[in-house]
Amino acid sequence: MTDEIVPDNRPSLWRRFRKAHGITYTVLTLFACIWIFPFFWMILGSLKTQREIMRIPPTFLPQNPTFSNFTRWFTELDFGTFFINSAIVAVVTTLGNLVFCSMVGYALAKIDFAGKNLLFGLVMITLMVPSVATFVPLFVIITNMHMLNTYMSLILPFLTQPLGVFLMRQFMMGIPDALLEAGRIDGAGELRIFFQIVLPQCKPPMATLAVLTFLSSWNNFLWPLVAAQSNKMYTLPVALSLYSTGQQATDYSILLAGAVLVVTPILLLFIFLQKYFIQGVTMSGIK
């Protein structure tokens, strides 16, 4: 009696790996590690001394981790004032964009008036204008209005952004007109329809707009550097660039610690709103 050899019909390990999209996941993991590495290096560097950072060859992990760099920001460098300035500017700018961009987007999406398409075209054109090109006229306007070195100078130019108008308009185009007509039949005015019918359905794009606006305002450097002309009005990016430089060289340990303090609120905000952020980007048509 001879033993029959049963053929092994199981797929090879390579075929199972490809079928499970292993190549895709491997490539994505590789790119994720490359993207995360600078942040990881920043955190490790914030725990090192200046001497260890400048050491050759460099060390990857801190030999003697220290939080003195963060302590200096809170004691010697007046971090609280810079943080409050950045928070006020970013929060007010974000709230202003949520309100005004939503109103403009609603008008362009659901209200018929003469010149609507022309107005939307002008909004799209402003997206192609570099922000640096408007610095000089904007500075002249703010100076003539006697707003220089105030919160208004840091907030007013950014209360409504064309990207936010486009984002809200694209999403509101998908809201059924029947809902709005039902509100009008019941006697509701446009403001009531906007606040009670339209806005409750716009949580995903509003979360996306909030993240993008807060990120842009929080990290804004050039305009606060021009408009804020005293220490009491500096925001975190400006303070980070000015106070990390000593008399002879840049203090990289202070710079990295400050960078960690600047990035942390943005990461927390994105983690908290990531669900709505992804929905907003998907449903509004932004590529």
C-alpha atoms as a PDB file:
ATOM      1  CA  MET A   1       0.000   0.000   0.000  1.00  0.00           C
ATOM      2  CA  THR A   2       1.508   3.294  -1.089  1.00  0.00           C
ATOM      3  CA  ASP A   3       0.899   6.645   0.520  1.00  0.00           C
ATOM      4  CA  GLU A   4      -0.720   9.113  -1.832  1.00  0.00           C
ATOM      5  CA  ILE A   5       0.872  12.537  -1.990  1.00  0.00           C
ATOM      6  CA  VAL A   6      -1.771  15.156  -1.425  1.00  0.00           C
ATOM      7  CA  PRO A   7      -0.951  18.357  -3.314  1.00  0.00           C
ATOM      8  CA  ASP A   8      -0.722  21.466  -1.148  1.00  0.00           C
ATOM      9  CA  ASN A   9      -3.261  23.876  -2.619  1.00  0.00           C
ATOM     10  CA  ARG A  10      -2.692  26.537  -0.004  1.00  0.00           C
ATOM     11  CA  PRO A  11      -1.441  29.821  -1.468  1.00  0.00           C
ATOM     12  CA  SER A  12       2.147  30.709  -0.852  1.00  0.00           C
ATOM     13  CA  LEU A  13       3.129  33.140   1.837  1.00  0.00           C
ATOM     14  CA  TRP A  14       3.904  35.818  -0.799  1.00  0.00           C
ATOM     15  CA  ARG A  15       0.482  35.421  -2.442  1.00  0.00           C
ATOM     16  CA  ARG A  16      -1.262  35.680   0.919  1.00  0.00           C
ATOM     17  CA  PHE A  17       0.808  38.753   1.690  1.00  0.00           C
ATOM     18  CA  ARG A  18      -0.208  40.419  -1.589  1.00  0.00           C
ATOM     19  CA  LYS A  19      -3.853  39.388  -1.229  1.00  0.00           C
ATOM     20  CA  ALA A  20      -3.990  41.028   2.201  1.00  0.00           C
ATOM     21  CA  HIS A  21      -2.643  44.288   0.684  1.00  0.00           C
ATOM     22  CA  GLY A  22       0.582  43.765   2.559  1.00  0.00           C
ATOM     23  CA  ILE A  23       2.626  45.785   0.066  1.00  0.00           C
ATOM     24  CA  THR A  24       0.289  48.777   0.404  1.00  0.00           C
ATOM     25  CA  TYR A  25       0.353  48.660   4.192  1.00  0.00           C
ATOM     26  CA  THR A  26       4.136  48.274   4.221  1.00  0.00           C
ATOM     27  CA  VAL A  27       4.639  51.313   1.990  1.00  0.00           C
ATOM     28  CA  LEU A  28       2.156  53.373   4.021  1.00  0.00           C
ATOM     29  CA  THR A  29       3.859  52.356   7.251  1.00  0.00           C
ATOM     30  CA  LEU A  30       7.242  53.344   5.826  1.00  0.00           C
ATOM     31  CA  PHE A  31       5.976  56.786   4.789  1.00  0.00           C
ATOM     32  CA  ALA A  32       4.248  57.222   8.162  1.00  0.00           C
ATOM     33  CA  CYS A  33       7.527  56.522   9.970  1.00  0.00           C
ATOM     34  CA  ILE A  34       9.350  59.022   7.739  1.00  0.00           C
ATOM     35  CA  TRP A  35       6.653  61.633   8.429  1.00  0.00           C
ATOM     36  CA  ILE A  36       6.592  61.025  12.199  1.00  0.00           C
ATOM     37  CA  PHE A  37      10.370  60.892  12.670  1.00  0.00           C
ATOM     38  CA  PRO A  38      10.938  64.715  12.721  1.00  0.00           C
ATOM     39  CA  PHE A  39       8.280  65.087  15.434  1.00  0.00           C
ATOM     40  CA  PHE A  40       9.833  62.257  17.416  1.00  0.00           C
ATOM     41  CA  TRP A  41      13.257  63.871  17.048  1.00  0.00           C
ATOM     42  CA  MET A  42      11.796  67.212  18.155  1.00  0.00           C
ATOM     43  CA  ILE A  43      10.390  65.681  21.345  1.00  0.00           C
ATOM     44  CA  LEU A  44      13.657  63.894  22.141  1.00  0.00           C
ATOM     45  CA  GLY A  45      15.647  67.057  21.412  1.00  0.00           C
ATOM     46  CA  SER A  46      13.498  69.087  23.785  1.00  0.00           C
ATOM     47  CA  LEU A  47      14.691  66.806  26.604  1.00  0.00           C
ATOM     48  CA  LYS A  48      18.386  67.325  25.810  1.00  0.00           C
ATOM     49  CA  THR A  49      20.805  70.058  26.781  1.00  0.00           C
ATOM     50  CA  GLN A  50      22.319  72.386  24.205  1.00  0.00           C
ATOM     51  CA  ARG A  51      25.697  70.668  24.596  1.00  0.00           C
ATOM     52  CA  GLU A  52      24.218  67.242  23.901  1.00  0.00           C
ATOM     53  CA  ILE A  53      22.321  68.486  20.843  1.00  0.00           C
ATOM     54  CA  MET A  54      25.520  69.940  19.360  1.00  0.00           C
ATOM     55  CA  ARG A  55      27.489  66.806  20.137  1.00  0.00           C
ATOM     56  CA  ILE A  56      29.205  64.971  17.251  1.00  0.00           C
ATOM     57  CA  PRO A  57      28.305  62.210  16.596  1.00  0.00           C
ATOM     58  CA  PRO A  58      24.751  63.062  17.713  1.00  0.00           C
ATOM     59  CA  THR A  59      22.888  60.947  20.224  1.00  0.00           C
ATOM     60  CA  PHE A  60      19.426  59.632  19.429  1.00  0.00           C
ATOM     61  CA  LEU A  61      18.045  59.197  22.938  1.00  0.00           C
ATOM     62  CA  PRO A  62      18.799  61.851  25.586  1.00  0.00           C
ATOM     63  CA  GLN A  63      21.489  60.623  27.959  1.00  0.00           C
ATOM     64  CA  ASN A  64      20.243  62.740  30.854  1.00  0.00           C
ATOM     65  CA  PRO A  65      16.632  63.760  30.116  1.00  0.00           C
ATOM     66  CA  THR A  66      15.735  67.146  31.535  1.00  0.00           C
ATOM     67  CA  PHE A  67      12.637  69.341  31.586  1.00  0.00           C
ATOM     68  CA  SER A  68      14.644  72.494  32.243  1.00  0.00           C
ATOM     69  CA  ASN A  69      14.023  73.719  28.708  1.00  0.00           C
ATOM     70  CA  PHE A  70      10.262  73.739  29.329  1.00  0.00           C
ATOM     71  CA  THR A  71      10.808  75.313  32.750  1.00  0.00           C
ATOM     72  CA  ARG A  72      12.668  78.215  31.175  1.00  0.00           C
ATOM     73  CA  TRP A  73       9.741  78.912  28.845  1.00  0.00           C
ATOM     74  CA  PHE A  74       7.345  79.150  31.785  1.00  0.00           C
ATOM     75  CA  THR A  75       9.666  81.123  34.073  1.00  0.00           C
ATOM     76  CA  GLU A  76      12.204  83.219  32.150  1.00  0.00           C
ATOM     77  CA  LEU A  77      10.553  83.642  28.732  1.00  0.00           C
ATOM     78  CA  ASP A  78       6.972  84.554  29.753  1.00  0.00           C
ATOM     79  CA  PHE A  79       5.333  81.678  27.878  1.00  0.00           C
ATOM     80  CA  GLY A  80       1.932  82.431  29.425  1.00  0.00           C
ATOM     81  CA  THR A  81       1.633  85.834  27.719  1.00  0.00           C
ATOM     82  CA  PHE A  82       2.569  84.442  24.304  1.00  0.00           C
ATOM     83  CA  PHE A  83       0.211  81.488  24.729  1.00  0.00           C
ATOM     84  CA  ILE A  84      -2.712  83.740  25.696  1.00  0.00           C
ATOM     85  CA  ASN A  85      -2.052  86.005  22.709  1.00  0.00           C
ATOM     86  CA  SER A  86      -1.960  83.060  20.323  1.00  0.00           C
ATOM     87  CA  ALA A  87      -5.070  81.511  21.900  1.00  0.00           C
ATOM     88  CA  ILE A  88      -7.090  84.725  21.697  1.00  0.00           C
ATOM     89  CA  VAL A  89      -6.097  85.394  18.096  1.00  0.00           C
ATOM     90  CA  ALA A  90      -6.640  81.792  16.952  1.00  0.00           C
ATOM     91  CA  VAL A  91      -9.965  81.273  18.759  1.00  0.00           C
ATOM     92  CA  VAL A  92     -11.519  84.587  17.686  1.00  0.00           C
ATOM     93  CA  THR A  93     -10.294  84.145  14.114  1.00  0.00           C
ATOM     94  CA  THR A  94     -11.711  80.627  14.006  1.00  0.00           C
ATOM     95  CA  LEU A  95     -15.098  81.681  15.385  1.00  0.00           C
ATOM     96  CA  GLY A  96     -15.248  84.582  12.942  1.00  0.00           C
ATOM     97  CA  ASN A  97     -14.548  82.287   9.999  1.00  0.00           C
ATOM     98  CA  LEU A  98     -17.156  79.782  11.158  1.00  0.00           C
ATOM     99  CA  VAL A  99     -19.835  82.490  11.280  1.00  0.00           C
ATOM    100  CA  PHE A 100     -18.972  84.707   8.317  1.00  0.00           C
ATOM    101  CA  CYS A 101     -17.755  82.011   5.913  1.00  0.00           C
ATOM    102  CA  SER A 102     -20.915  80.030   6.634  1.00  0.00           C
ATOM    103  CA  MET A 103     -23.081  83.086   5.930  1.00  0.00           C
ATOM    104  CA  VAL A 104     -21.307  83.883   2.671  1.00  0.00           C
ATOM    105  CA  GLY A 105     -21.330  80.221   1.648  1.00  0.00           C
ATOM    106  CA  TYR A 106     -25.063  80.002   2.352  1.00  0.00           C
ATOM    107  CA  ALA A 107     -25.763  83.100   0.260  1.00  0.00           C
ATOM    108  CA  LEU A 108     -23.695  81.789  -2.663  1.00  0.00           C
ATOM    109  CA  ALA A 109     -25.228  78.326  -2.462  1.00  0.00           C
ATOM    110  CA  LYS A 110     -28.926  78.876  -1.716  1.00  0.00           C
ATOM    111  CA  ILE A 111     -29.895  82.507  -2.398  1.00  0.00           C
ATOM    112  CA  ASP A 112     -30.425  83.823  -5.920  1.00  0.00           C
ATOM    113  CA  PHE A 113     -29.234  87.389  -6.514  1.00  0.00           C
ATOM    114  CA  ALA A 114     -27.688  89.349  -9.329  1.00  0.00           C
ATOM    115  CA  GLY A 115     -23.983  88.794  -9.767  1.00  0.00           C
ATOM    116  CA  LYS A 116     -23.805  85.667  -7.611  1.00  0.00           C
ATOM    117  CA  ASN A 117     -21.647  83.738 -10.068  1.00  0.00           C
ATOM    118  CA  LEU A 118     -19.392  86.750 -10.577  1.00  0.00           C
ATOM    119  CA  LEU A 119     -18.958  87.124  -6.823  1.00  0.00           C
ATOM    120  CA  PHE A 120     -18.106  83.436  -6.446  1.00  0.00           C
ATOM    121  CA  GLY A 121     -15.598  83.776  -9.277  1.00  0.00           C
ATOM    122  CA  LEU A 122     -13.918  86.666  -7.448  1.00  0.00           C
ATOM    123  CA  VAL A 123     -13.725  84.529  -4.311  1.00  0.00           C
ATOM    124  CA  MET A 124     -12.006  81.787  -6.297  1.00  0.00           C
ATOM    125  CA  ILE A 125      -9.586  84.283  -7.839  1.00  0.00           C
ATOM    126  CA  THR A 126      -8.496  85.460  -4.395  1.00  0.00           C
ATOM    127  CA  LEU A 127      -7.415  81.892  -3.655  1.00  0.00           C
ATOM    128  CA  MET A 128      -4.698  82.308  -6.292  1.00  0.00           C
ATOM    129  CA  VAL A 129      -3.336  85.571  -4.864  1.00  0.00           C
ATOM    130  CA  PRO A 130      -0.280  85.000  -2.604  1.00  0.00           C
ATOM    131  CA  SER A 131      -0.846  86.318   0.893  1.00  0.00           C
ATOM    132  CA  VAL A 132       2.564  88.040   0.826  1.00  0.00           C
ATOM    133  CA  ALA A 133       1.354  90.233  -2.039  1.00  0.00           C
ATOM    134  CA  THR A 134      -1.218  91.863   0.252  1.00  0.00           C
ATOM    135  CA  PHE A 135       1.152  92.576   3.138  1.00  0.00           C
ATOM    136  CA  VAL A 136       2.063  96.153   2.235  1.00  0.00           C
ATOM    137  CA  PRO A 137      -1.468  97.444   1.468  1.00  0.00           C
ATOM    138  CA  LEU A 138      -2.830  95.564   4.471  1.00  0.00           C
ATOM    139  CA  PHE A 139      -0.178  97.088   6.724  1.00  0.00           C
ATOM    140  CA  VAL A 140      -0.985 100.577   5.406  1.00  0.00           C
ATOM    141  CA  ILE A 141      -4.709 100.075   6.045  1.00  0.00           C
ATOM    142  CA  ILE A 142      -4.162  98.790   9.586  1.00  0.00           C
ATOM    143  CA  THR A 143      -1.774 101.670  10.311  1.00  0.00           C
ATOM    144  CA  ASN A 144      -4.214 104.294   9.025  1.00  0.00           C
ATOM    145  CA  MET A 145      -6.949 102.758  11.190  1.00  0.00           C
ATOM    146  CA  HIS A 146      -4.643 103.097  14.243  1.00  0.00           C
ATOM    147  CA  MET A 147      -4.932  99.375  14.997  1.00  0.00           C
ATOM    148  CA  LEU A 148      -1.239  98.494  14.878  1.00  0.00           C
ATOM    149  CA  ASN A 149       0.056  96.437  17.810  1.00  0.00           C
ATOM    150  CA  THR A 150      -3.459  95.456  18.949  1.00  0.00           C
ATOM    151  CA  TYR A 151      -5.494  92.263  18.867  1.00  0.00           C
ATOM    152  CA  MET A 152      -7.634  93.746  16.090  1.00  0.00           C
ATOM    153  CA  SER A 153      -4.599  94.070  13.834  1.00  0.00           C
ATOM    154  CA  LEU A 154      -3.895  90.357  14.301  1.00  0.00           C
ATOM    155  CA  ILE A 155      -7.505  89.196  13.922  1.00  0.00           C
ATOM    156  CA  LEU A 156      -9.415  91.496  11.557  1.00  0.00           C
ATOM    157  CA  PRO A 157      -7.518  90.713   8.298  1.00  0.00           C
ATOM    158  CA  PHE A 158      -8.259  86.982   8.678  1.00  0.00           C
ATOM    159  CA  LEU A 159     -11.873  86.924   9.912  1.00  0.00           C
ATOM    160  CA  THR A 160     -13.115  85.627   6.556  1.00  0.00           C
ATOM    161  CA  GLN A 161     -11.003  83.437   4.297  1.00  0.00           C
ATOM    162  CA  PRO A 162     -11.864  82.489   0.678  1.00  0.00           C
ATOM    163  CA  LEU A 163     -11.044  78.824   1.331  1.00  0.00           C
ATOM    164  CA  GLY A 164     -13.649  78.764   4.107  1.00  0.00           C
ATOM    165  CA  VAL A 165     -16.254  80.348   1.829  1.00  0.00           C
ATOM    166  CA  PHE A 166     -15.541  77.755  -0.846  1.00  0.00           C
ATOM    167  CA  LEU A 167     -15.661  74.896   1.653  1.00  0.00           C
ATOM    168  CA  MET A 168     -19.010  75.929   3.148  1.00  0.00           C
ATOM    169  CA  ARG A 169     -20.542  76.758  -0.216  1.00  0.00           C
ATOM    170  CA  GLN A 170     -19.618  73.367  -1.670  1.00  0.00           C
ATOM    171  CA  PHE A 171     -21.181  71.513   1.259  1.00  0.00           C
ATOM    172  CA  MET A 172     -24.342  73.641   1.381  1.00  0.00           C
ATOM    173  CA  MET A 173     -24.959  72.993  -2.301  1.00  0.00           C
ATOM    174  CA  GLY A 174     -25.825  69.430  -1.283  1.00  0.00           C
ATOM    175  CA  ILE A 175     -28.500  70.435   1.257  1.00  0.00           C
ATOM    176  CA  PRO A 176     -31.973  69.751  -0.269  1.00  0.00           C
ATOM    177  CA  ASP A 177     -33.858  72.892  -1.218  1.00  0.00           C
ATOM    178  CA  ALA A 178     -37.035  71.228   0.025  1.00  0.00           C
ATOM    179  CA  LEU A 179     -35.863  71.700   3.619  1.00  0.00           C
ATOM    180  CA  LEU A 180     -35.414  75.412   3.094  1.00  0.00           C
ATOM    181  CA  GLU A 181     -38.746  75.771   1.312  1.00  0.00           C
ATOM    182  CA  ALA A 182     -40.492  73.972   4.160  1.00  0.00           C
ATOM    183  CA  GLY A 183     -39.008  76.480   6.575  1.00  0.00           C
ATOM    184  CA  ARG A 184     -40.136  79.404   4.430  1.00  0.00           C
ATOM    185  CA  ILE A 185     -43.660  77.975   4.203  1.00  0.00           C
ATOM    186  CA  ASP A 186     -43.740  77.802   8.010  1.00  0.00           C
ATOM    187  CA  GLY A 187     -42.880  81.502   8.119  1.00  0.00           C
ATOM    188  CA  ALA A 188     -39.191  81.274   9.003  1.00  0.00           C
ATOM    189  CA  GLY A 189     -36.898  84.055   7.820  1.00  0.00           C
ATOM    190  CA  GLU A 190     -33.523  83.530   6.198  1.00  0.00           C
ATOM    191  CA  LEU A 191     -31.619  83.987   9.457  1.00  0.00           C
ATOM    192  CA  ARG A 192     -33.777  81.439  11.244  1.00  0.00           C
ATOM    193  CA  ILE A 193     -33.435  79.004   8.339  1.00  0.00           C
ATOM    194  CA  PHE A 194     -29.675  79.537   8.370  1.00  0.00           C
ATOM    195  CA  PHE A 195     -29.186  79.017  12.110  1.00  0.00           C
ATOM    196  CA  GLN A 196     -31.829  76.331  12.796  1.00  0.00           C
ATOM    197  CA  ILE A 197     -31.897  74.304   9.563  1.00  0.00           C
ATOM    198  CA  VAL A 198     -28.658  74.786   7.648  1.00  0.00           C
ATOM    199  CA  LEU A 199     -25.982  75.078  10.334  1.00  0.00           C
ATOM    200  CA  PRO A 200     -26.998  71.934  12.285  1.00  0.00           C
ATOM    201  CA  GLN A 201     -26.287  69.917   9.122  1.00  0.00           C
ATOM    202  CA  CYS A 202     -22.881  71.513   8.572  1.00  0.00           C
ATOM    203  CA  LYS A 203     -20.927  70.006  11.455  1.00  0.00           C
ATOM    204  CA  PRO A 204     -18.395  68.131   9.248  1.00  0.00           C
ATOM    205  CA  PRO A 205     -17.358  71.128   7.090  1.00  0.00           C
ATOM    206  CA  MET A 206     -17.414  73.448  10.104  1.00  0.00           C
ATOM    207  CA  ALA A 207     -15.075  71.102  11.969  1.00  0.00           C
ATOM    208  CA  THR A 208     -12.807  71.015   8.913  1.00  0.00           C
ATOM    209  CA  LEU A 209     -12.880  74.802   8.648  1.00  0.00           C
ATOM    210  CA  ALA A 210     -12.203  75.135  12.383  1.00  0.00           C
ATOM    211  CA  VAL A 211      -9.120  72.905  12.196  1.00  0.00           C
ATOM    212  CA  LEU A 212      -7.733  74.587   9.064  1.00  0.00           C
ATOM    213  CA  THR A 213      -8.364  78.107  10.364  1.00  0.00           C
ATOM    214  CA  PHE A 214      -7.026  77.422  13.839  1.00  0.00           C
ATOM    215  CA  LEU A 215      -3.939  75.757  12.373  1.00  0.00           C
ATOM    216  CA  SER A 216      -3.309  78.665  10.004  1.00  0.00           C
ATOM    217  CA  SER A 217      -3.848  81.310  12.694  1.00  0.00           C
ATOM    218  CA  TRP A 218      -1.869  79.478  15.372  1.00  0.00           C
ATOM    219  CA  ASN A 219       1.144  78.986  13.088  1.00  0.00           C
ATOM    220  CA  ASN A 220       0.966  82.395  11.403  1.00  0.00           C
ATOM    221  CA  PHE A 221       4.364  84.056  11.664  1.00  0.00           C
ATOM    222  CA  LEU A 222       4.923  86.783   9.066  1.00  0.00           C
ATOM    223  CA  TRP A 223       1.889  88.955   9.768  1.00  0.00           C
ATOM    224  CA  PRO A 224       2.175  88.873  13.604  1.00  0.00           C
ATOM    225  CA  LEU A 225       5.870  89.677  13.192  1.00  0.00           C
ATOM    226  CA  VAL A 226       4.873  92.852  11.320  1.00  0.00           C
ATOM    227  CA  ALA A 227       1.708  93.815  13.209  1.00  0.00           C
ATOM    228  CA  ALA A 228       2.863  92.984  16.759  1.00  0.00           C
ATOM    229  CA  GLN A 229       5.575  95.450  17.673  1.00  0.00           C
ATOM    230  CA  SER A 230       5.995  94.823  21.395  1.00  0.00           C
ATOM    231  CA  ASN A 231       6.643  91.838  23.621  1.00  0.00           C
ATOM    232  CA  LYS A 232       3.165  91.951  25.164  1.00  0.00           C
ATOM    233  CA  MET A 233       1.550  91.311  21.744  1.00  0.00           C
ATOM    234  CA  TYR A 234       3.895  88.595  20.435  1.00  0.00           C
ATOM    235  CA  THR A 235       2.326  85.278  19.509  1.00  0.00           C
ATOM    236  CA  LEU A 236       4.059  81.944  20.054  1.00  0.00           C
ATOM    237  CA  PRO A 237       5.685  81.581  16.589  1.00  0.00           C
ATOM    238  CA  VAL A 238       7.146  85.087  16.827  1.00  0.00           C
ATOM    239  CA  ALA A 239       8.379  84.523  20.373  1.00  0.00           C
ATOM    240  CA  LEU A 240       9.786  81.154  19.340  1.00  0.00           C
ATOM    241  CA  SER A 241      11.908  82.751  16.612  1.00  0.00           C
ATOM    242  CA  LEU A 242      13.099  85.677  18.723  1.00  0.00           C
ATOM    243  CA  TYR A 243      13.682  84.135  22.142  1.00  0.00           C
ATOM    244  CA  SER A 244      15.454  80.989  20.953  1.00  0.00           C
ATOM    245  CA  THR A 245      18.341  83.057  19.566  1.00  0.00           C
ATOM    246  CA  GLY A 246      21.115  84.054  21.912  1.00  0.00           C
ATOM    247  CA  GLN A 247      23.888  86.563  21.487  1.00  0.00           C
ATOM    248  CA  GLN A 248      26.140  84.188  19.584  1.00  0.00           C
ATOM    249  CA  ALA A 249      24.098  81.184  18.423  1.00  0.00           C
ATOM    250  CA  THR A 250      20.663  79.644  18.404  1.00  0.00           C
ATOM    251  CA  ASP A 251      19.705  77.734  21.537  1.00  0.00           C
ATOM    252  CA  TYR A 252      18.307  74.616  19.888  1.00  0.00           C
ATOM    253  CA  SER A 253      17.179  73.022  23.140  1.00  0.00           C
ATOM    254  CA  ILE A 254      14.938  76.023  23.885  1.00  0.00           C
ATOM    255  CA  LEU A 255      13.808  76.107  20.258  1.00  0.00           C
ATOM    256  CA  LEU A 256      12.760  72.443  20.267  1.00  0.00           C
ATOM    257  CA  ALA A 257      11.002  72.752  23.624  1.00  0.00           C
ATOM    258  CA  GLY A 258       9.082  75.751  22.337  1.00  0.00           C
ATOM    259  CA  ALA A 259       8.204  73.867  19.160  1.00  0.00           C
ATOM    260  CA  VAL A 260       6.716  71.055  21.253  1.00  0.00           C
ATOM    261  CA  LEU A 261       4.618  73.584  23.177  1.00  0.00           C
ATOM    262  CA  VAL A 262       3.415  75.155  19.919  1.00  0.00           C
ATOM    263  CA  VAL A 263       2.541  71.872  18.194  1.00  0.00           C
ATOM    264  CA  THR A 264       0.750  70.191  21.116  1.00  0.00           C
ATOM    265  CA  PRO A 265      -2.528  72.218  20.990  1.00  0.00           C
ATOM    266  CA  ILE A 266      -2.812  71.606  17.239  1.00  0.00           C
ATOM    267  CA  LEU A 267      -2.391  67.848  17.657  1.00  0.00           C
ATOM    268  CA  LEU A 268      -4.969  67.745  20.458  1.00  0.00           C
ATOM    269  CA  LEU A 269      -7.452  69.745  18.377  1.00  0.00           C
ATOM    270  CA  PHE A 270      -7.011  67.485  15.367  1.00  0.00           C
ATOM    271  CA  ILE A 271      -7.376  64.321  17.456  1.00  0.00           C
ATOM    272  CA  PHE A 272     -10.579  65.700  18.979  1.00  0.00           C
ATOM    273  CA  LEU A 273     -12.084  66.729  15.612  1.00  0.00           C
ATOM    274  CA  GLN A 274     -10.517  64.191  13.247  1.00  0.00           C
ATOM    275  CA  LYS A 275     -13.817  62.358  12.640  1.00  0.00           C
ATOM    276  CA  TYR A 276     -15.589  65.519  11.492  1.00  0.00           C
ATOM    277  CA  PHE A 277     -12.490  66.752   9.686  1.00  0.00           C
ATOM    278  CA  ILE A 278     -12.319  63.661   7.457  1.00  0.00           C
ATOM    279  CA  GLN A 279     -16.058  63.799   6.787  1.00  0.00           C
ATOM    280  CA  GLY A 280     -15.890  67.469   5.884  1.00  0.00           C
ATOM    281  CA  VAL A 281     -13.009  67.017   3.441  1.00  0.00           C
ATOM    282  CA  THR A 282     -14.770  64.042   1.813  1.00  0.00           C
ATOM    283  CA  MET A 283     -18.234  65.570   1.547  1.00  0.00           C
ATOM    284  CA  SER A 284     -17.193  69.074   0.449  1.00  0.00           C
ATOM    285  CA  GLY A 285     -15.237  67.918  -2.595  1.00  0.00           C
ATOM    286  CA  ILE A 286     -11.774  69.148  -1.555  1.00  0.00           C
ATOM    287  CA  LYS A 287      -9.055  67.073  -3.170  1.00  0.00           C
END
